[in-house]
Amino acid sequence: MQLEISLTVRALCLLVFCATGLLCTRGEEIHRLAQRKLCADEECSHPISMARALADYTAPDCRFINIRQGQIVYIYGKLKGKGRDYWQGTVSLRHRALPPQCLV
């Protein structure tokens, strides 16, 4: 009796696991933002500079940060490569990438 219950539970778990795998779609691959990162220190823990947002910026994905006009942004690193330049900064304790064009 105990063995039958154990096998039934295992079979149900396997069925749920497989069904979930079939229903889920694979995540979209996100390209790397840069080959190099320039920072003030090795851990990028000290700000390089401070800037004020010239305009609102809505992040296209989770790697970027939303910025509102007038917000102060602390810049910790500059990402370089592939014809794109992004800065790594903090707004309201959120640390992510942002385009330098929206800052002064």
PDB file of N, CA and C in Angstrom:
ATOM      1  N   MET A   1       0.825  -1.199   0.000  1.00  0.00           N
ATOM      2  CA  MET A   1       0.000   0.000   0.000  1.00  0.00           C
ATOM      3  C   MET A   1       0.869   1.262   0.000  1.00  0.00           C
ATOM      4  N   GLN A   2       1.854   1.291   0.890  1.00  0.00           N
ATOM      5  CA  GLN A   2       2.760   2.437   0.990  1.00  0.00           C
ATOM      6  C   GLN A   2       3.542   2.622  -0.316  1.00  0.00           C
ATOM      7  N   LEU A   3       3.982   1.511  -0.905  1.00  0.00           N
ATOM      8  CA  LEU A   3       4.733   1.546  -2.152  1.00  0.00           C
ATOM      9  C   LEU A   3       3.872   2.081  -3.298  1.00  0.00           C
ATOM     10  N   GLU A   4       2.602   1.688  -3.331  1.00  0.00           N
ATOM     11  CA  GLU A   4       1.695   2.159  -4.376  1.00  0.00           C
ATOM     12  C   GLU A   4       1.485   3.665  -4.281  1.00  0.00           C
ATOM     13  N   ILE A   5       1.324   4.181  -3.069  1.00  0.00           N
ATOM     14  CA  ILE A   5       1.138   5.626  -2.865  1.00  0.00           C
ATOM     15  C   ILE A   5       2.396   6.372  -3.294  1.00  0.00           C
ATOM     16  N   SER A   6       3.550   5.832  -2.900  1.00  0.00           N
ATOM     17  CA  SER A   6       4.820   6.459  -3.257  1.00  0.00           C
ATOM     18  C   SER A   6       5.001   6.522  -4.773  1.00  0.00           C
ATOM     19  N   LEU A   7       4.677   5.431  -5.463  1.00  0.00           N
ATOM     20  CA  LEU A   7       4.796   5.407  -6.920  1.00  0.00           C
ATOM     21  C   LEU A   7       3.796   6.358  -7.576  1.00  0.00           C
ATOM     22  N   THR A   8       2.595   6.433  -7.022  1.00  0.00           N
ATOM     23  CA  THR A   8       1.578   7.339  -7.553  1.00  0.00           C
ATOM     24  C   THR A   8       2.020   8.790  -7.405  1.00  0.00           C
ATOM     25  N   VAL A   9       2.557   9.127  -6.242  1.00  0.00           N
ATOM     26  CA  VAL A   9       3.038  10.493  -5.998  1.00  0.00           C
ATOM     27  C   VAL A   9       4.179  10.826  -6.951  1.00  0.00           C
ATOM     28  N   ARG A  10       5.103   9.907  -7.130  1.00  0.00           N
ATOM     29  CA  ARG A  10       6.220  10.134  -8.053  1.00  0.00           C
ATOM     30  C   ARG A  10       5.724  10.316  -9.487  1.00  0.00           C
ATOM     31  N   ALA A  11       4.761   9.499  -9.887  1.00  0.00           N
ATOM     32  CA  ALA A  11       4.216   9.602 -11.244  1.00  0.00           C
ATOM     33  C   ALA A  11       3.525  10.951 -11.449  1.00  0.00           C
ATOM     34  N   LEU A  12       2.767  11.404 -10.445  1.00  0.00           N
ATOM     35  CA  LEU A  12       2.099  12.705 -10.540  1.00  0.00           C
ATOM     36  C   LEU A  12       3.113  13.844 -10.600  1.00  0.00           C
ATOM     37  N   CYS A  13       4.153  13.753  -9.782  1.00  0.00           N
ATOM     38  CA  CYS A  13       5.206  14.782  -9.798  1.00  0.00           C
ATOM     39  C   CYS A  13       5.883  14.841 -11.161  1.00  0.00           C
ATOM     40  N   LEU A  14       6.174  13.683 -11.728  1.00  0.00           N
ATOM     41  CA  LEU A  14       6.808  13.620 -13.040  1.00  0.00           C
ATOM     42  C   LEU A  14       5.891  14.207 -14.110  1.00  0.00           C
ATOM     43  N   LEU A  15       4.605  13.886 -14.037  1.00  0.00           N
ATOM     44  CA  LEU A  15       3.638  14.404 -14.995  1.00  0.00           C
ATOM     45  C   LEU A  15       3.556  15.928 -14.914  1.00  0.00           C
ATOM     46  N   VAL A  16       3.471  16.459 -13.705  1.00  0.00           N
ATOM     47  CA  VAL A  16       3.397  17.915 -13.519  1.00  0.00           C
ATOM     48  C   VAL A  16       4.679  18.575 -14.020  1.00  0.00           C
ATOM     49  N   PHE A  17       5.822  17.987 -13.688  1.00  0.00           N
ATOM     50  CA  PHE A  17       7.109  18.534 -14.115  1.00  0.00           C
ATOM     51  C   PHE A  17       7.206  18.574 -15.641  1.00  0.00           C
ATOM     52  N   CYS A  18       6.842  17.491 -16.300  1.00  0.00           N
ATOM     53  CA  CYS A  18       6.917  17.426 -17.765  1.00  0.00           C
ATOM     54  C   CYS A  18       5.918  18.380 -18.415  1.00  0.00           C
ATOM     55  N   ALA A  19       4.713  18.440 -17.891  1.00  0.00           N
ATOM     56  CA  ALA A  19       3.693  19.326 -18.458  1.00  0.00           C
ATOM     57  C   ALA A  19       4.110  20.782 -18.316  1.00  0.00           C
ATOM     58  N   THR A  20       4.695  21.126 -17.188  1.00  0.00           N
ATOM     59  CA  THR A  20       5.161  22.496 -16.979  1.00  0.00           C
ATOM     60  C   THR A  20       6.253  22.835 -17.976  1.00  0.00           C
ATOM     61  N   GLY A  21       7.144  21.910 -18.215  1.00  0.00           N
ATOM     62  CA  GLY A  21       8.221  22.131 -19.181  1.00  0.00           C
ATOM     63  C   GLY A  21       7.702  22.337 -20.586  1.00  0.00           C
ATOM     64  N   LEU A  22       6.635  21.649 -20.946  1.00  0.00           N
ATOM     65  CA  LEU A  22       6.070  21.792 -22.284  1.00  0.00           C
ATOM     66  C   LEU A  22       5.320  23.105 -22.448  1.00  0.00           C
ATOM     67  N   LEU A  23       4.701  23.577 -21.388  1.00  0.00           N
ATOM     68  CA  LEU A  23       3.909  24.800 -21.463  1.00  0.00           C
ATOM     69  C   LEU A  23       4.761  26.060 -21.393  1.00  0.00           C
ATOM     70  N   CYS A  24       5.893  25.979 -20.738  1.00  0.00           N
ATOM     71  CA  CYS A  24       6.757  27.150 -20.578  1.00  0.00           C
ATOM     72  C   CYS A  24       7.527  27.409 -21.868  1.00  0.00           C
ATOM     73  N   THR A  25       7.693  28.674 -22.190  1.00  0.00           N
ATOM     74  CA  THR A  25       8.508  29.023 -23.348  1.00  0.00           C
ATOM     75  C   THR A  25       9.896  29.404 -22.874  1.00  0.00           C
ATOM     76  N   ARG A  26      10.848  29.225 -23.736  1.00  0.00           N
ATOM     77  CA  ARG A  26      12.223  29.577 -23.383  1.00  0.00           C
ATOM     78  C   ARG A  26      12.360  31.090 -23.363  1.00  0.00           C
ATOM     79  N   GLY A  27      13.196  31.578 -22.449  1.00  0.00           N
ATOM     80  CA  GLY A  27      13.460  33.007 -22.362  1.00  0.00           C
ATOM     81  C   GLY A  27      14.232  33.495 -23.575  1.00  0.00           C
ATOM     82  N   GLU A  28      14.045  34.733 -23.890  1.00  0.00           N
ATOM     83  CA  GLU A  28      14.740  35.331 -25.015  1.00  0.00           C
ATOM     84  C   GLU A  28      16.168  35.670 -24.601  1.00  0.00           C
ATOM     85  N   GLU A  29      17.132  35.341 -25.441  1.00  0.00           N
ATOM     86  CA  GLU A  29      18.528  35.628 -25.128  1.00  0.00           C
ATOM     87  C   GLU A  29      18.777  37.127 -25.248  1.00  0.00           C
ATOM     88  N   ILE A  30      19.443  37.689 -24.249  1.00  0.00           N
ATOM     89  CA  ILE A  30      19.742  39.116 -24.229  1.00  0.00           C
ATOM     90  C   ILE A  30      21.211  39.299 -24.572  1.00  0.00           C
ATOM     91  N   HIS A  31      21.496  40.171 -25.530  1.00  0.00           N
ATOM     92  CA  HIS A  31      22.886  40.385 -25.930  1.00  0.00           C
ATOM     93  C   HIS A  31      23.663  41.112 -24.831  1.00  0.00           C
ATOM     94  N   ARG A  32      24.957  40.923 -24.845  1.00  0.00           N
ATOM     95  CA  ARG A  32      25.842  41.560 -23.878  1.00  0.00           C
ATOM     96  C   ARG A  32      25.967  43.040 -24.229  1.00  0.00           C
ATOM     97  N   LEU A  33      25.921  43.901 -23.223  1.00  0.00           N
ATOM     98  CA  LEU A  33      25.967  45.335 -23.470  1.00  0.00           C
ATOM     99  C   LEU A  33      27.344  45.845 -23.872  1.00  0.00           C
ATOM    100  N   ALA A  34      28.410  45.239 -23.354  1.00  0.00           N
ATOM    101  CA  ALA A  34      29.750  45.762 -23.631  1.00  0.00           C
ATOM    102  C   ALA A  34      30.818  44.710 -23.414  1.00  0.00           C
ATOM    103  N   GLN A  35      31.981  44.960 -24.042  1.00  0.00           N
ATOM    104  CA  GLN A  35      33.132  44.093 -23.810  1.00  0.00           C
ATOM    105  C   GLN A  35      33.970  44.606 -22.637  1.00  0.00           C
ATOM    106  N   ARG A  36      33.930  45.910 -22.404  1.00  0.00           N
ATOM    107  CA  ARG A  36      34.747  46.497 -21.337  1.00  0.00           C
ATOM    108  C   ARG A  36      33.895  47.362 -20.425  1.00  0.00           C
ATOM    109  N   LYS A  37      34.330  47.453 -19.172  1.00  0.00           N
ATOM    110  CA  LYS A  37      33.676  48.323 -18.203  1.00  0.00           C
ATOM    111  C   LYS A  37      34.758  49.153 -17.525  1.00  0.00           C
ATOM    112  N   LEU A  38      34.623  50.470 -17.586  1.00  0.00           N
ATOM    113  CA  LEU A  38      35.574  51.382 -16.971  1.00  0.00           C
ATOM    114  C   LEU A  38      34.992  51.898 -15.665  1.00  0.00           C
ATOM    115  N   CYS A  39      35.735  51.724 -14.573  1.00  0.00           N
ATOM    116  CA  CYS A  39      35.253  52.116 -13.249  1.00  0.00           C
ATOM    117  C   CYS A  39      36.355  52.841 -12.483  1.00  0.00           C
ATOM    118  N   ALA A  40      35.981  53.477 -11.376  1.00  0.00           N
ATOM    119  CA  ALA A  40      36.950  54.163 -10.521  1.00  0.00           C
ATOM    120  C   ALA A  40      37.766  53.170  -9.706  1.00  0.00           C
ATOM    121  N   ASP A  41      37.197  52.014  -9.387  1.00  0.00           N
ATOM    122  CA  ASP A  41      37.898  50.982  -8.626  1.00  0.00           C
ATOM    123  C   ASP A  41      37.521  49.612  -9.187  1.00  0.00           C
ATOM    124  N   GLU A  42      38.183  48.589  -8.721  1.00  0.00           N
ATOM    125  CA  GLU A  42      38.007  47.239  -9.266  1.00  0.00           C
ATOM    126  C   GLU A  42      36.584  46.705  -9.128  1.00  0.00           C
ATOM    127  N   GLU A  43      35.903  47.031  -8.043  1.00  0.00           N
ATOM    128  CA  GLU A  43      34.542  46.533  -7.799  1.00  0.00           C
ATOM    129  C   GLU A  43      33.452  47.465  -8.323  1.00  0.00           C
ATOM    130  N   CYS A  44      33.830  48.583  -8.913  1.00  0.00           N
ATOM    131  CA  CYS A  44      32.865  49.599  -9.368  1.00  0.00           C
ATOM    132  C   CYS A  44      31.959  50.046  -8.222  1.00  0.00           C
ATOM    133  N   SER A  45      32.543  50.222  -7.046  1.00  0.00           N
ATOM    134  CA  SER A  45      31.747  50.562  -5.864  1.00  0.00           C
ATOM    135  C   SER A  45      31.789  52.045  -5.515  1.00  0.00           C
ATOM    136  N   HIS A  46      32.639  52.822  -6.191  1.00  0.00           N
ATOM    137  CA  HIS A  46      32.725  54.264  -5.935  1.00  0.00           C
ATOM    138  C   HIS A  46      32.241  55.026  -7.163  1.00  0.00           C
ATOM    139  N   PRO A  47      31.400  56.038  -6.958  1.00  0.00           N
ATOM    140  CA  PRO A  47      30.896  56.803  -8.106  1.00  0.00           C
ATOM    141  C   PRO A  47      32.011  57.534  -8.847  1.00  0.00           C
ATOM    142  N   ILE A  48      31.896  57.559 -10.161  1.00  0.00           N
ATOM    143  CA  ILE A  48      32.811  58.324 -11.006  1.00  0.00           C
ATOM    144  C   ILE A  48      32.328  59.767 -11.080  1.00  0.00           C
ATOM    145  N   SER A  49      31.014  59.919 -11.232  1.00  0.00           N
ATOM    146  CA  SER A  49      30.433  61.248 -11.363  1.00  0.00           C
ATOM    147  C   SER A  49      28.959  61.216 -10.993  1.00  0.00           C
ATOM    148  N   MET A  50      28.357  62.394 -11.069  1.00  0.00           N
ATOM    149  CA  MET A  50      26.944  62.550 -10.757  1.00  0.00           C
ATOM    150  C   MET A  50      26.322  63.328 -11.919  1.00  0.00           C
ATOM    151  N   ALA A  51      25.096  63.001 -12.291  1.00  0.00           N
ATOM    152  CA  ALA A  51      24.437  63.690 -13.406  1.00  0.00           C
ATOM    153  C   ALA A  51      22.961  63.888 -13.092  1.00  0.00           C
ATOM    154  N   ARG A  52      22.339  64.795 -13.822  1.00  0.00           N
ATOM    155  CA  ARG A  52      20.904  65.042 -13.687  1.00  0.00           C
ATOM    156  C   ARG A  52      20.235  64.643 -15.003  1.00  0.00           C
ATOM    157  N   ALA A  53      19.102  63.968 -14.904  1.00  0.00           N
ATOM    158  CA  ALA A  53      18.377  63.511 -16.096  1.00  0.00           C
ATOM    159  C   ALA A  53      17.753  64.688 -16.834  1.00  0.00           C
ATOM    160  N   LEU A  54      18.022  64.776 -18.131  1.00  0.00           N
ATOM    161  CA  LEU A  54      17.453  65.830 -18.972  1.00  0.00           C
ATOM    162  C   LEU A  54      16.015  65.525 -19.365  1.00  0.00           C
ATOM    163  N   ALA A  55      15.700  64.239 -19.466  1.00  0.00           N
ATOM    164  CA  ALA A  55      14.369  63.815 -19.912  1.00  0.00           C
ATOM    165  C   ALA A  55      14.039  62.463 -19.294  1.00  0.00           C
ATOM    166  N   ASP A  56      12.785  62.079 -19.377  1.00  0.00           N
ATOM    167  CA  ASP A  56      12.378  60.750 -18.925  1.00  0.00           C
ATOM    168  C   ASP A  56      13.000  59.701 -19.834  1.00  0.00           C
ATOM    169  N   TYR A  57      13.335  58.559 -19.266  1.00  0.00           N
ATOM    170  CA  TYR A  57      13.845  57.433 -20.042  1.00  0.00           C
ATOM    171  C   TYR A  57      13.155  56.179 -19.532  1.00  0.00           C
ATOM    172  N   THR A  58      12.501  55.455 -20.425  1.00  0.00           N
ATOM    173  CA  THR A  58      11.830  54.209 -20.071  1.00  0.00           C
ATOM    174  C   THR A  58      12.715  53.044 -20.487  1.00  0.00           C
ATOM    175  N   ALA A  59      13.051  52.215 -19.532  1.00  0.00           N
ATOM    176  CA  ALA A  59      13.956  51.088 -19.763  1.00  0.00           C
ATOM    177  C   ALA A  59      13.329  50.071 -20.713  1.00  0.00           C
ATOM    178  N   PRO A  60      14.089  49.618 -21.738  1.00  0.00           N
ATOM    179  CA  PRO A  60      13.557  48.629 -22.674  1.00  0.00           C
ATOM    180  C   PRO A  60      13.513  47.212 -22.104  1.00  0.00           C
ATOM    181  N   ASP A  61      14.354  46.920 -21.103  1.00  0.00           N
ATOM    182  CA  ASP A  61      14.342  45.609 -20.456  1.00  0.00           C
ATOM    183  C   ASP A  61      14.944  45.728 -19.059  1.00  0.00           C
ATOM    184  N   CYS A  62      15.061  44.599 -18.361  1.00  0.00           N
ATOM    185  CA  CYS A  62      15.449  44.601 -16.948  1.00  0.00           C
ATOM    186  C   CYS A  62      16.899  45.001 -16.693  1.00  0.00           C
ATOM    187  N   ARG A  63      17.724  45.100 -17.729  1.00  0.00           N
ATOM    188  CA  ARG A  63      19.116  45.507 -17.532  1.00  0.00           C
ATOM    189  C   ARG A  63      19.252  47.008 -17.357  1.00  0.00           C
ATOM    190  N   PHE A  64      18.231  47.756 -17.747  1.00  0.00           N
ATOM    191  CA  PHE A  64      18.270  49.213 -17.719  1.00  0.00           C
ATOM    192  C   PHE A  64      17.407  49.757 -16.590  1.00  0.00           C
ATOM    193  N   ILE A  65      17.542  51.047 -16.340  1.00  0.00           N
ATOM    194  CA  ILE A  65      16.819  51.675 -15.242  1.00  0.00           C
ATOM    195  C   ILE A  65      15.911  52.774 -15.794  1.00  0.00           C
ATOM    196  N   ASN A  66      14.718  52.899 -15.235  1.00  0.00           N
ATOM    197  CA  ASN A  66      13.821  53.992 -15.600  1.00  0.00           C
ATOM    198  C   ASN A  66      14.311  55.262 -14.921  1.00  0.00           C
ATOM    199  N   ILE A  67      14.307  56.363 -15.671  1.00  0.00           N
ATOM    200  CA  ILE A  67      14.763  57.642 -15.134  1.00  0.00           C
ATOM    201  C   ILE A  67      13.694  58.687 -15.415  1.00  0.00           C
ATOM    202  N   ARG A  68      13.467  59.556 -14.469  1.00  0.00           N
ATOM    203  CA  ARG A  68      12.529  60.664 -14.632  1.00  0.00           C
ATOM    204  C   ARG A  68      13.316  61.966 -14.738  1.00  0.00           C
ATOM    205  N   GLN A  69      12.816  62.881 -15.534  1.00  0.00           N
ATOM    206  CA  GLN A  69      13.481  64.167 -15.726  1.00  0.00           C
ATOM    207  C   GLN A  69      13.767  64.823 -14.373  1.00  0.00           C
ATOM    208  N   GLY A  70      14.995  65.296 -14.217  1.00  0.00           N
ATOM    209  CA  GLY A  70      15.390  65.977 -12.990  1.00  0.00           C
ATOM    210  C   GLY A  70      16.002  65.084 -11.925  1.00  0.00           C
ATOM    211  N   GLN A  71      15.877  63.768 -12.060  1.00  0.00           N
ATOM    212  CA  GLN A  71      16.455  62.865 -11.060  1.00  0.00           C
ATOM    213  C   GLN A  71      17.974  62.928 -11.099  1.00  0.00           C
ATOM    214  N   ILE A  72      18.591  62.763  -9.923  1.00  0.00           N
ATOM    215  CA  ILE A  72      20.042  62.692  -9.814  1.00  0.00           C
ATOM    216  C   ILE A  72      20.466  61.237 -10.018  1.00  0.00           C
ATOM    217  N   VAL A  73      21.465  61.028 -10.865  1.00  0.00           N
ATOM    218  CA  VAL A  73      21.983  59.695 -11.160  1.00  0.00           C
ATOM    219  C   VAL A  73      23.454  59.664 -10.764  1.00  0.00           C
ATOM    220  N   TYR A  74      23.840  58.661  -9.993  1.00  0.00           N
ATOM    221  CA  TYR A  74      25.238  58.463  -9.627  1.00  0.00           C
ATOM    222  C   TYR A  74      25.834  57.458 -10.604  1.00  0.00           C
ATOM    223  N   ILE A  75      26.900  57.844 -11.293  1.00  0.00           N
ATOM    224  CA  ILE A  75      27.534  57.011 -12.307  1.00  0.00           C
ATOM    225  C   ILE A  75      28.676  56.225 -11.668  1.00  0.00           C
ATOM    226  N   TYR A  76      28.627  54.888 -11.786  1.00  0.00           N
ATOM    227  CA  TYR A  76      29.642  54.008 -11.200  1.00  0.00           C
ATOM    228  C   TYR A  76      30.557  53.384 -12.245  1.00  0.00           C
ATOM    229  N   GLY A  77      30.117  53.329 -13.486  1.00  0.00           N
ATOM    230  CA  GLY A  77      30.935  52.707 -14.516  1.00  0.00           C
ATOM    231  C   GLY A  77      30.478  53.121 -15.898  1.00  0.00           C
ATOM    232  N   LYS A  78      31.391  52.983 -16.857  1.00  0.00           N
ATOM    233  CA  LYS A  78      31.072  53.273 -18.252  1.00  0.00           C
ATOM    234  C   LYS A  78      31.351  52.017 -19.061  1.00  0.00           C
ATOM    235  N   LEU A  79      30.316  51.540 -19.754  1.00  0.00           N
ATOM    236  CA  LEU A  79      30.403  50.313 -20.543  1.00  0.00           C
ATOM    237  C   LEU A  79      30.762  50.675 -21.975  1.00  0.00           C
ATOM    238  N   LYS A  80      31.753  50.004 -22.528  1.00  0.00           N
ATOM    239  CA  LYS A  80      32.235  50.322 -23.872  1.00  0.00           C
ATOM    240  C   LYS A  80      32.246  49.084 -24.754  1.00  0.00           C
ATOM    241  N   GLY A  81      31.849  49.265 -26.021  1.00  0.00           N
ATOM    242  CA  GLY A  81      31.979  48.177 -26.974  1.00  0.00           C
ATOM    243  C   GLY A  81      30.829  48.045 -27.932  1.00  0.00           C
ATOM    244  N   LYS A  82      31.097  47.384 -29.054  1.00  0.00           N
ATOM    245  CA  LYS A  82      30.107  47.080 -30.095  1.00  0.00           C
ATOM    246  C   LYS A  82      29.383  48.322 -30.613  1.00  0.00           C
ATOM    247  N   GLY A  83      30.044  49.471 -30.631  1.00  0.00           N
ATOM    248  CA  GLY A  83      29.425  50.685 -31.136  1.00  0.00           C
ATOM    249  C   GLY A  83      28.409  51.298 -30.199  1.00  0.00           C
ATOM    250  N   ARG A  84      28.221  50.715 -29.040  1.00  0.00           N
ATOM    251  CA  ARG A  84      27.264  51.236 -28.053  1.00  0.00           C
ATOM    252  C   ARG A  84      28.025  51.703 -26.824  1.00  0.00           C
ATOM    253  N   ASP A  85      27.583  52.786 -26.258  1.00  0.00           N
ATOM    254  CA  ASP A  85      28.142  53.250 -24.993  1.00  0.00           C
ATOM    255  C   ASP A  85      27.002  53.401 -23.997  1.00  0.00           C
ATOM    256  N   TYR A  86      27.123  52.720 -22.885  1.00  0.00           N
ATOM    257  CA  TYR A  86      26.151  52.839 -21.805  1.00  0.00           C
ATOM    258  C   TYR A  86      26.904  53.184 -20.533  1.00  0.00           C
ATOM    259  N   TRP A  87      26.204  53.774 -19.608  1.00  0.00           N
ATOM    260  CA  TRP A  87      26.770  54.026 -18.296  1.00  0.00           C
ATOM    261  C   TRP A  87      26.059  53.129 -17.308  1.00  0.00           C
ATOM    262  N   GLN A  88      26.745  52.808 -16.234  1.00  0.00           N
ATOM    263  CA  GLN A  88      26.156  52.022 -15.161  1.00  0.00           C
ATOM    264  C   GLN A  88      25.956  52.972 -13.993  1.00  0.00           C
ATOM    265  N   GLY A  89      24.720  53.099 -13.544  1.00  0.00           N
ATOM    266  CA  GLY A  89      24.446  54.080 -12.505  1.00  0.00           C
ATOM    267  C   GLY A  89      23.361  53.657 -11.542  1.00  0.00           C
ATOM    268  N   THR A  90      23.143  54.533 -10.567  1.00  0.00           N
ATOM    269  CA  THR A  90      22.161  54.277  -9.522  1.00  0.00           C
ATOM    270  C   THR A  90      21.172  55.428  -9.446  1.00  0.00           C
ATOM    271  N   VAL A  91      19.893  55.084  -9.407  1.00  0.00           N
ATOM    272  CA  VAL A  91      18.811  56.033  -9.161  1.00  0.00           C
ATOM    273  C   VAL A  91      17.930  55.398  -8.098  1.00  0.00           C
ATOM    274  N   SER A  92      17.719  56.076  -7.007  1.00  0.00           N
ATOM    275  CA  SER A  92      16.863  55.564  -5.919  1.00  0.00           C
ATOM    276  C   SER A  92      17.236  54.138  -5.522  1.00  0.00           C
ATOM    277  N   LEU A  93      18.511  53.877  -5.339  1.00  0.00           N
ATOM    278  CA  LEU A  93      19.061  52.595  -4.887  1.00  0.00           C
ATOM    279  C   LEU A  93      18.946  51.462  -5.902  1.00  0.00           C
ATOM    280  N   ARG A  94      18.528  51.742  -7.129  1.00  0.00           N
ATOM    281  CA  ARG A  94      18.488  50.725  -8.190  1.00  0.00           C
ATOM    282  C   ARG A  94      19.723  50.914  -9.050  1.00  0.00           C
ATOM    283  N   HIS A  95      20.515  49.869  -9.207  1.00  0.00           N
ATOM    284  CA  HIS A  95      21.799  49.942  -9.917  1.00  0.00           C
ATOM    285  C   HIS A  95      21.690  49.181 -11.235  1.00  0.00           C
ATOM    286  N   ARG A  96      21.665  49.922 -12.349  1.00  0.00           N
ATOM    287  CA  ARG A  96      21.525  49.287 -13.661  1.00  0.00           C
ATOM    288  C   ARG A  96      22.188  50.143 -14.732  1.00  0.00           C
ATOM    289  N   ALA A  97      22.036  49.736 -15.982  1.00  0.00           N
ATOM    290  CA  ALA A  97      22.611  50.464 -17.116  1.00  0.00           C
ATOM    291  C   ALA A  97      21.664  51.564 -17.579  1.00  0.00           C
ATOM    292  N   LEU A  98      22.238  52.578 -18.241  1.00  0.00           N
ATOM    293  CA  LEU A  98      21.450  53.670 -18.788  1.00  0.00           C
ATOM    294  C   LEU A  98      22.224  54.333 -19.920  1.00  0.00           C
ATOM    295  N   PRO A  99      21.523  54.965 -20.863  1.00  0.00           N
ATOM    296  CA  PRO A  99      22.220  55.652 -21.948  1.00  0.00           C
ATOM    297  C   PRO A  99      22.664  57.040 -21.483  1.00  0.00           C
ATOM    298  N   PRO A 100      23.897  57.449 -21.782  1.00  0.00           N
ATOM    299  CA  PRO A 100      24.379  58.753 -21.328  1.00  0.00           C
ATOM    300  C   PRO A 100      23.698  59.931 -22.020  1.00  0.00           C
ATOM    301  N   GLN A 101      23.028  59.711 -23.151  1.00  0.00           N
ATOM    302  CA  GLN A 101      22.411  60.801 -23.899  1.00  0.00           C
ATOM    303  C   GLN A 101      21.306  61.516 -23.122  1.00  0.00           C
ATOM    304  N   CYS A 102      20.716  60.859 -22.139  1.00  0.00           N
ATOM    305  CA  CYS A 102      19.608  61.480 -21.407  1.00  0.00           C
ATOM    306  C   CYS A 102      20.080  62.206 -20.144  1.00  0.00           C
ATOM    307  N   LEU A 103      21.402  62.339 -19.968  1.00  0.00           N
ATOM    308  CA  LEU A 103      21.948  62.972 -18.763  1.00  0.00           C
ATOM    309  C   LEU A 103      22.749  64.221 -19.105  1.00  0.00           C
ATOM    310  N   VAL A 104      22.876  65.105 -18.128  1.00  0.00           N
ATOM    311  CA  VAL A 104      23.710  66.292 -18.289  1.00  0.00           C
ATOM    312  C   VAL A 104      24.718  66.344 -17.170  1.00  0.00           C
TER     313      VAL A 104
END
